Protein backbone atom coordinates (compact mmCIF):
# COMPACT_ATOMS: atom_id res chain seq x y z
CA MET A 1 -43.61 -68.44 7.79
CA SER A 2 -47.39 -67.85 7.36
CA GLN A 3 -48.90 -64.54 8.02
CA GLY A 4 -51.61 -66.26 10.02
CA ASN A 5 -49.09 -67.65 12.52
CA PRO A 6 -49.45 -65.92 15.93
CA HIS A 7 -45.65 -65.93 16.49
CA ASP A 8 -45.06 -64.19 13.15
CA ARG A 9 -47.84 -61.68 13.71
CA TYR A 10 -46.55 -60.71 17.14
CA PHE A 11 -42.92 -60.47 16.00
CA LYS A 12 -43.66 -58.29 12.99
CA ALA A 13 -46.14 -56.01 14.75
CA THR A 14 -43.77 -55.50 17.68
CA PHE A 15 -40.35 -55.29 16.04
CA SER A 16 -41.52 -53.09 13.19
CA ASP A 17 -41.19 -50.31 15.79
CA PRO A 18 -37.57 -49.13 15.34
CA ARG A 19 -37.33 -48.31 19.07
CA VAL A 20 -38.09 -51.91 20.01
CA ALA A 21 -35.91 -53.32 17.23
CA ALA A 22 -32.98 -51.08 18.18
CA GLU A 23 -33.00 -52.23 21.79
CA ALA A 24 -33.37 -55.90 20.87
CA LEU A 25 -30.54 -55.71 18.33
CA ARG A 26 -28.19 -53.68 20.51
CA ARG A 27 -28.16 -56.39 23.19
CA ARG A 28 -26.64 -59.04 20.90
CA LEU A 29 -24.44 -57.19 18.41
CA PRO A 30 -20.71 -57.02 19.21
CA PRO A 31 -20.21 -54.02 21.55
CA GLU A 32 -17.65 -52.40 19.23
CA ILE A 33 -20.30 -52.44 16.47
CA ALA A 34 -23.33 -51.59 18.58
CA GLU A 35 -21.69 -48.46 20.01
CA ARG A 36 -20.93 -47.13 16.51
CA ILE A 37 -24.44 -47.54 15.10
CA ASP A 38 -26.64 -44.45 15.21
CA TRP A 39 -29.68 -46.18 16.71
CA SER A 40 -31.71 -42.96 16.67
CA ARG A 41 -31.73 -43.20 12.86
CA LEU A 42 -32.62 -46.89 12.61
CA GLU A 43 -35.40 -47.26 10.05
CA ARG A 44 -37.28 -50.22 8.71
CA MET A 45 -36.89 -50.69 4.97
CA PRO A 46 -40.15 -50.77 3.01
CA ALA A 47 -41.41 -53.94 1.34
CA GLU A 48 -40.54 -52.47 -2.07
CA PHE A 49 -36.87 -52.47 -1.10
CA VAL A 50 -36.88 -55.98 0.26
CA GLY A 51 -38.86 -57.42 -2.64
CA GLU A 52 -42.04 -59.47 -2.65
CA ASP A 53 -40.25 -62.81 -3.02
CA LEU A 54 -37.36 -62.14 -0.66
CA THR A 55 -38.08 -64.62 2.06
CA GLY A 56 -41.45 -66.23 1.73
CA ARG A 57 -41.39 -65.61 5.50
CA HIS A 58 -43.21 -62.38 6.10
CA ALA A 59 -41.90 -62.03 9.65
CA ASP A 60 -38.30 -61.35 8.58
CA LEU A 61 -37.38 -57.64 8.67
CA VAL A 62 -34.68 -55.40 7.20
CA PHE A 63 -33.49 -52.18 8.85
CA LYS A 64 -31.02 -49.49 7.83
CA ALA A 65 -28.87 -47.34 10.12
CA PRO A 66 -25.61 -45.36 9.89
CA LEU A 67 -22.61 -47.40 11.04
CA ALA A 68 -19.60 -45.15 11.65
CA GLY A 69 -20.97 -42.78 9.02
CA HIS A 70 -21.71 -45.49 6.45
CA ASP A 71 -25.12 -46.89 5.53
CA ALA A 72 -25.47 -50.42 6.84
CA TYR A 73 -28.34 -52.89 6.82
CA ILE A 74 -29.39 -55.25 9.58
CA PHE A 75 -31.38 -58.24 8.39
CA VAL A 76 -33.40 -59.88 11.18
CA LEU A 77 -34.45 -63.47 10.53
CA TYR A 78 -37.07 -64.63 12.97
CA GLU A 79 -37.19 -68.31 13.92
CA HIS A 80 -39.69 -69.79 16.34
CA GLN A 81 -39.72 -73.47 15.39
CA SER A 82 -39.35 -76.06 18.12
CA SER A 83 -36.02 -77.08 16.58
CA SER A 84 -33.36 -74.93 14.95
CA ASP A 85 -33.14 -74.52 11.18
CA GLY A 86 -30.04 -76.41 9.99
CA MET A 87 -29.92 -74.39 6.75
CA MET A 88 -30.32 -70.97 8.31
CA PRO A 89 -26.87 -69.71 7.17
CA LEU A 90 -27.73 -70.62 3.57
CA ARG A 91 -31.10 -68.87 3.84
CA ALA A 92 -29.38 -65.78 5.19
CA TYR A 93 -26.77 -65.90 2.42
CA ILE A 94 -29.44 -66.03 -0.29
CA TYR A 95 -31.36 -63.15 1.27
CA ILE A 96 -28.23 -61.02 1.68
CA ALA A 97 -27.31 -61.58 -1.97
CA ARG A 98 -30.81 -60.52 -3.03
CA ILE A 99 -30.68 -57.37 -0.92
CA TRP A 100 -27.30 -56.48 -2.44
CA GLN A 101 -28.65 -57.20 -5.91
CA ARG A 102 -31.57 -54.87 -5.30
CA TRP A 103 -29.27 -52.18 -3.88
CA TRP A 104 -26.92 -52.50 -6.86
CA ARG A 105 -29.78 -51.98 -9.32
CA GLU A 106 -30.76 -48.84 -7.45
CA ASN A 107 -27.17 -47.55 -7.21
CA PRO A 108 -25.62 -48.06 -10.66
CA GLY A 109 -21.95 -47.21 -10.86
CA ALA A 110 -21.31 -47.85 -7.16
CA ARG A 111 -17.95 -49.46 -6.40
CA LYS A 112 -18.71 -50.68 -2.87
CA MET A 113 -21.72 -52.28 -1.22
CA PRO A 114 -23.23 -51.60 2.19
CA ALA A 115 -22.62 -53.95 5.09
CA ILE A 116 -25.47 -56.33 5.88
CA ILE A 117 -25.52 -57.87 9.36
CA PRO A 118 -27.61 -61.07 9.61
CA VAL A 119 -29.31 -61.50 13.00
CA VAL A 120 -31.39 -64.52 14.02
CA LEU A 121 -33.91 -64.06 16.83
CA TYR A 122 -34.81 -67.53 18.06
CA HIS A 123 -37.19 -68.63 20.80
CA GLY A 124 -37.73 -72.34 20.26
CA ALA A 125 -38.60 -74.77 23.02
CA ARG A 126 -35.03 -76.14 22.94
CA PRO A 127 -31.74 -74.23 22.59
CA TRP A 128 -30.41 -73.58 19.10
CA SER A 129 -28.28 -76.50 17.91
CA GLY A 130 -27.88 -75.77 14.23
CA PRO A 131 -24.89 -74.23 12.45
CA THR A 132 -24.33 -70.48 12.58
CA THR A 133 -21.67 -70.21 9.83
CA LEU A 134 -21.95 -70.73 6.11
CA ARG A 135 -18.69 -72.68 6.17
CA ALA A 136 -20.30 -75.34 8.38
CA LEU A 137 -22.67 -76.23 5.52
CA ILE A 138 -19.97 -76.92 2.94
CA ASP A 139 -19.36 -80.62 2.40
CA LEU A 140 -15.58 -80.81 2.68
CA PRO A 141 -13.21 -82.09 5.40
CA PRO A 142 -11.68 -79.34 7.59
CA PRO A 143 -8.20 -79.44 5.98
CA LEU A 144 -9.67 -78.75 2.53
CA LEU A 145 -11.98 -76.09 3.93
CA ASP A 146 -8.96 -74.40 5.47
CA ALA A 147 -7.06 -74.58 2.18
CA LEU A 148 -10.01 -73.04 0.30
CA ALA A 149 -10.96 -70.55 2.99
CA ARG A 150 -9.90 -67.53 0.91
CA HIS A 151 -12.02 -68.69 -2.02
CA LEU A 152 -15.26 -69.69 -0.30
CA PRO A 153 -17.95 -67.35 1.02
CA ASP A 154 -18.42 -67.40 4.77
CA PHE A 155 -19.98 -65.42 7.59
CA GLU A 156 -21.37 -66.02 11.06
CA LEU A 157 -24.93 -65.27 12.11
CA VAL A 158 -25.52 -63.04 15.11
CA LEU A 159 -27.71 -65.41 17.13
CA ASP A 160 -30.04 -64.23 19.88
CA ASP A 161 -31.22 -67.50 21.43
CA LEU A 162 -33.90 -66.50 23.92
CA SER A 163 -34.18 -70.09 25.16
CA ARG A 164 -30.70 -69.72 26.70
CA ALA A 165 -31.41 -66.37 28.34
CA THR A 166 -32.94 -65.92 31.77
CA ASP A 167 -35.58 -63.29 32.41
CA ALA A 168 -32.99 -61.41 34.47
CA ASP A 169 -30.53 -61.49 31.51
CA ILE A 170 -33.14 -59.88 29.27
CA GLU A 171 -33.99 -57.23 31.87
CA ARG A 172 -30.32 -56.34 32.35
CA SER A 173 -29.59 -56.10 28.62
CA THR A 174 -32.54 -53.91 27.60
CA ARG A 175 -33.28 -50.37 28.70
CA PHE A 176 -36.54 -49.76 26.82
CA THR A 177 -39.64 -51.15 28.53
CA LEU A 178 -41.45 -52.19 25.35
CA ALA A 179 -38.41 -54.15 24.14
CA THR A 180 -38.04 -55.89 27.50
CA LEU A 181 -41.72 -56.83 27.44
CA ALA A 182 -41.57 -58.12 23.86
CA LEU A 183 -38.53 -60.32 24.47
CA LEU A 184 -39.95 -61.75 27.71
CA VAL A 185 -43.26 -62.51 26.03
CA LEU A 186 -41.53 -64.26 23.11
CA LYS A 187 -39.25 -66.19 25.47
CA ASN A 188 -41.99 -67.43 27.80
CA GLY A 189 -45.24 -67.11 25.87
CA ALA A 190 -45.10 -70.37 23.96
CA VAL A 191 -43.15 -72.31 26.60
CA LEU A 192 -44.67 -71.64 30.01
CA PRO A 193 -48.17 -72.98 30.70
CA ASP A 194 -48.98 -69.60 32.26
CA PRO A 195 -46.56 -66.80 31.33
CA LEU A 196 -48.63 -64.15 33.17
CA THR A 197 -46.23 -64.18 36.12
CA GLU A 198 -46.02 -61.32 38.61
CA ARG A 199 -42.77 -60.38 36.90
CA LEU A 200 -44.45 -60.04 33.52
CA MET A 201 -47.38 -58.20 35.14
CA GLY A 202 -44.87 -55.62 36.33
CA HIS A 203 -43.53 -55.12 32.81
CA LEU A 204 -47.06 -54.89 31.40
CA ALA A 205 -47.87 -52.17 33.91
CA ALA A 206 -44.64 -50.31 33.14
CA ALA A 207 -45.30 -50.50 29.39
CA LEU A 208 -48.57 -48.61 29.85
CA GLY A 209 -46.47 -45.54 30.65
CA ASP A 210 -45.23 -45.32 27.03
CA GLU A 211 -47.23 -43.33 24.48
CA SER A 212 -47.85 -46.52 22.48
CA GLY A 213 -47.83 -48.74 25.55
CA GLN A 214 -51.49 -49.75 25.57
CA ALA A 215 -51.24 -51.12 22.02
CA ALA A 216 -48.05 -52.98 23.00
CA VAL A 217 -49.73 -54.48 26.07
CA GLU A 218 -52.79 -55.54 24.07
CA ARG A 219 -50.54 -57.20 21.45
CA ALA A 220 -48.62 -59.03 24.15
CA LEU A 221 -51.81 -60.23 25.82
CA ARG A 222 -53.31 -61.37 22.52
CA TYR A 223 -50.17 -63.35 21.81
CA VAL A 224 -50.14 -64.94 25.28
CA TYR A 225 -53.83 -65.82 25.10
CA THR A 226 -53.38 -67.30 21.62
CA VAL A 227 -50.38 -69.55 22.28
CA THR A 228 -51.31 -70.75 25.79
CA ASP A 229 -54.33 -72.38 27.40
CA ILE A 230 -55.30 -69.79 29.98
CA ASP A 231 -59.05 -69.82 30.56
CA ALA A 232 -61.09 -66.78 31.52
CA ALA A 233 -61.56 -67.89 35.14
CA ARG A 234 -57.80 -68.17 35.70
CA ILE A 235 -57.24 -64.80 34.06
CA ARG A 236 -59.78 -63.10 36.32
CA ALA A 237 -58.31 -64.71 39.43
CA LYS A 238 -54.77 -63.80 38.47
CA VAL A 239 -55.68 -60.22 37.59
CA ALA A 240 -57.53 -59.75 40.85
CA ARG A 241 -54.56 -61.13 42.78
CA SER A 242 -51.48 -59.68 41.07
CA ALA A 243 -52.18 -57.08 38.36
CA PRO A 244 -50.61 -53.82 39.61
CA GLY A 245 -53.02 -50.96 39.03
CA ASP A 246 -56.59 -50.50 37.88
CA ARG A 247 -55.59 -49.51 34.36
CA LEU A 248 -53.73 -52.76 33.72
CA ARG A 249 -56.63 -54.77 35.15
CA GLU A 250 -58.99 -52.99 32.79
CA VAL A 251 -56.76 -53.57 29.73
CA ILE A 252 -56.25 -57.24 30.56
CA MET A 253 -59.94 -57.96 31.11
CA THR A 254 -61.05 -55.91 28.08
CA THR A 255 -58.58 -57.71 25.83
CA ALA A 256 -59.65 -61.09 27.21
CA GLU A 257 -63.31 -60.31 26.53
CA GLN A 258 -62.51 -59.07 23.01
CA LEU A 259 -60.62 -62.27 22.25
CA ARG A 260 -63.42 -64.38 23.69
CA ALA A 261 -65.94 -62.58 21.47
CA GLU A 262 -63.66 -62.81 18.43
CA GLY A 263 -63.13 -66.50 19.08
CA PHE A 264 -66.89 -67.03 19.20
CA GLU A 265 -67.33 -65.10 15.95
CA ARG A 266 -64.48 -67.00 14.29
CA GLY A 267 -66.10 -70.24 15.41
CA ILE A 268 -69.37 -69.20 13.77
CA GLU A 269 -67.53 -68.18 10.59
CA ARG A 270 -65.66 -71.50 10.48
CA GLY A 271 -68.94 -73.34 10.99
CA ILE A 272 -70.60 -71.42 8.17
CA GLU A 273 -67.60 -71.97 5.89
CA LYS A 274 -67.60 -75.68 6.72
CA GLY A 275 -71.33 -75.87 6.09
CA ILE A 276 -70.95 -74.10 2.76
CA GLU A 277 -68.13 -76.43 1.77
CA LYS A 278 -70.22 -79.46 2.65
CA GLY A 279 -73.17 -77.96 0.82
CA ILE A 280 -71.08 -77.40 -2.29
CA GLU A 281 -69.70 -80.94 -2.13
CA LYS A 282 -73.18 -82.36 -1.68
CA GLY A 283 -74.50 -80.18 -4.50
CA ILE A 284 -71.76 -81.40 -6.83
CA GLU A 285 -72.48 -85.00 -5.91
CA GLN A 286 -76.18 -84.49 -6.45
CA GLY A 287 -75.50 -82.73 -9.74
CA ILE A 288 -73.35 -85.61 -10.94
CA GLU A 289 -75.97 -88.14 -9.90
CA LYS A 290 -78.71 -86.14 -11.58
CA GLY A 291 -76.69 -85.85 -14.76
CA GLN A 292 -76.05 -89.58 -14.78
CA ALA A 293 -79.76 -90.29 -14.25
CA GLN A 294 -80.80 -87.93 -17.05
CA GLY A 295 -78.47 -89.64 -19.48
CA ARG A 296 -79.80 -93.08 -18.53
CA ILE A 297 -83.42 -91.89 -18.79
CA ALA A 298 -82.84 -90.57 -22.30
CA MET A 299 -81.12 -93.80 -23.36
CA LEU A 300 -83.85 -96.03 -21.86
CA LEU A 301 -86.65 -94.05 -23.52
CA ARG A 302 -84.86 -94.29 -26.85
CA LEU A 303 -84.39 -98.07 -26.51
CA LEU A 304 -88.04 -98.58 -25.56
CA THR A 305 -89.23 -96.43 -28.45
CA LEU A 306 -87.05 -98.25 -30.99
CA LYS A 307 -88.20 -101.69 -29.83
CA PHE A 308 -91.81 -101.18 -28.70
CA GLY A 309 -92.92 -97.86 -30.17
CA GLU A 310 -94.11 -94.69 -28.45
CA VAL A 311 -93.71 -94.67 -24.64
CA PRO A 312 -97.01 -93.90 -22.82
CA PRO A 313 -97.01 -90.82 -20.49
CA GLU A 314 -97.52 -92.91 -17.34
CA VAL A 315 -94.52 -95.12 -18.24
CA ARG A 316 -92.40 -92.05 -19.04
CA ALA A 317 -93.32 -90.52 -15.67
CA ARG A 318 -92.31 -93.71 -13.85
CA ILE A 319 -88.98 -93.81 -15.66
CA GLU A 320 -88.26 -90.16 -14.88
CA ARG A 321 -88.81 -90.79 -11.14
CA ALA A 322 -86.56 -93.88 -11.03
CA ASP A 323 -83.05 -94.01 -9.54
CA VAL A 324 -79.89 -94.96 -11.43
CA PRO A 325 -79.81 -98.68 -10.40
CA ALA A 326 -83.41 -99.17 -11.60
CA LEU A 327 -82.69 -97.42 -14.89
CA ASP A 328 -79.68 -99.66 -15.48
CA ARG A 329 -81.70 -102.76 -14.64
CA TRP A 330 -84.52 -101.79 -17.03
CA ALA A 331 -82.13 -100.92 -19.84
CA GLU A 332 -80.66 -104.42 -19.63
CA ARG A 333 -84.15 -105.99 -19.79
CA VAL A 334 -85.12 -104.16 -22.99
CA LEU A 335 -82.97 -106.52 -25.03
CA THR A 336 -84.88 -109.66 -23.95
CA ALA A 337 -88.29 -108.40 -22.73
CA PRO A 338 -91.34 -109.42 -24.88
CA ASP A 339 -93.07 -106.08 -24.24
CA MET A 340 -92.65 -102.66 -22.57
CA ALA A 341 -94.39 -103.70 -19.34
CA ALA A 342 -92.00 -106.63 -18.85
CA ALA A 343 -89.00 -104.39 -19.48
CA ILE A 344 -89.75 -102.00 -16.65
CA ASP A 345 -91.66 -104.31 -14.31
């Protein structure tokens, strides 16, 4: 995933907060596991631990937390494509192996490795239809897979498919306002023509009560504005009609105006960049043409001098002003012309 992708940017900025990540993860992990994780000590692992080349998808995150007194890692793979990734279990397997490899280098002499739980957060337009186990990717008939089961690697992804969840499901399964808001925005932001429903307005207003709530609301609004086609007039009308509270109205309108201004500035920048690119291309073309003309001028002057003697200044000036087709035509005439005037007539 590209860093410039609005889905990736929103996911990483939002779920890098361990409080939001903890609530989102707790709702889909098996209850017997979730209740034994010390969520208060969930921490995001730094990029140095994960490694620069781990995923090539900068939105994927790794967290660490105590699980029944043991260090465990939770690897969150974020998927927002319109269709599910059929090789997701293999991707997860490769990433898990790399995390273990890194951990092993940093813990020489260790005899056991930490658990790594792979979680996929998905919010595509259609429900997830791809495999969730590594076994499903192995090209063998079921009887042979069963016979080799003890000798083949396998695991099952913890899949949080937001496309299958209702808004009420998300509200019931999360207790932290910022997590509820983030999941609802991801679920509806890229699917609904206008995700700024009264329901979401209520969560936006509630989020402002958190110490980092205004930043969370602004992020959510930026994401919604970026992935939907809500014009300023509709935003103003909706805010006037259904935004609960003056503070939320102010944040919504301020963010909308900032995005409008940024969009205008980005448009100017893109126009300048495009103009520069065209200018460079035109300059290169002109440079090539000029270089070709200079070579032809030098060759024509040499041919004229060899056949007819010194080239007069007025003839030289005419040659130097000529275009490439004329220079080619005159060079061909030198061979048969009786004099210099006939050659360049």
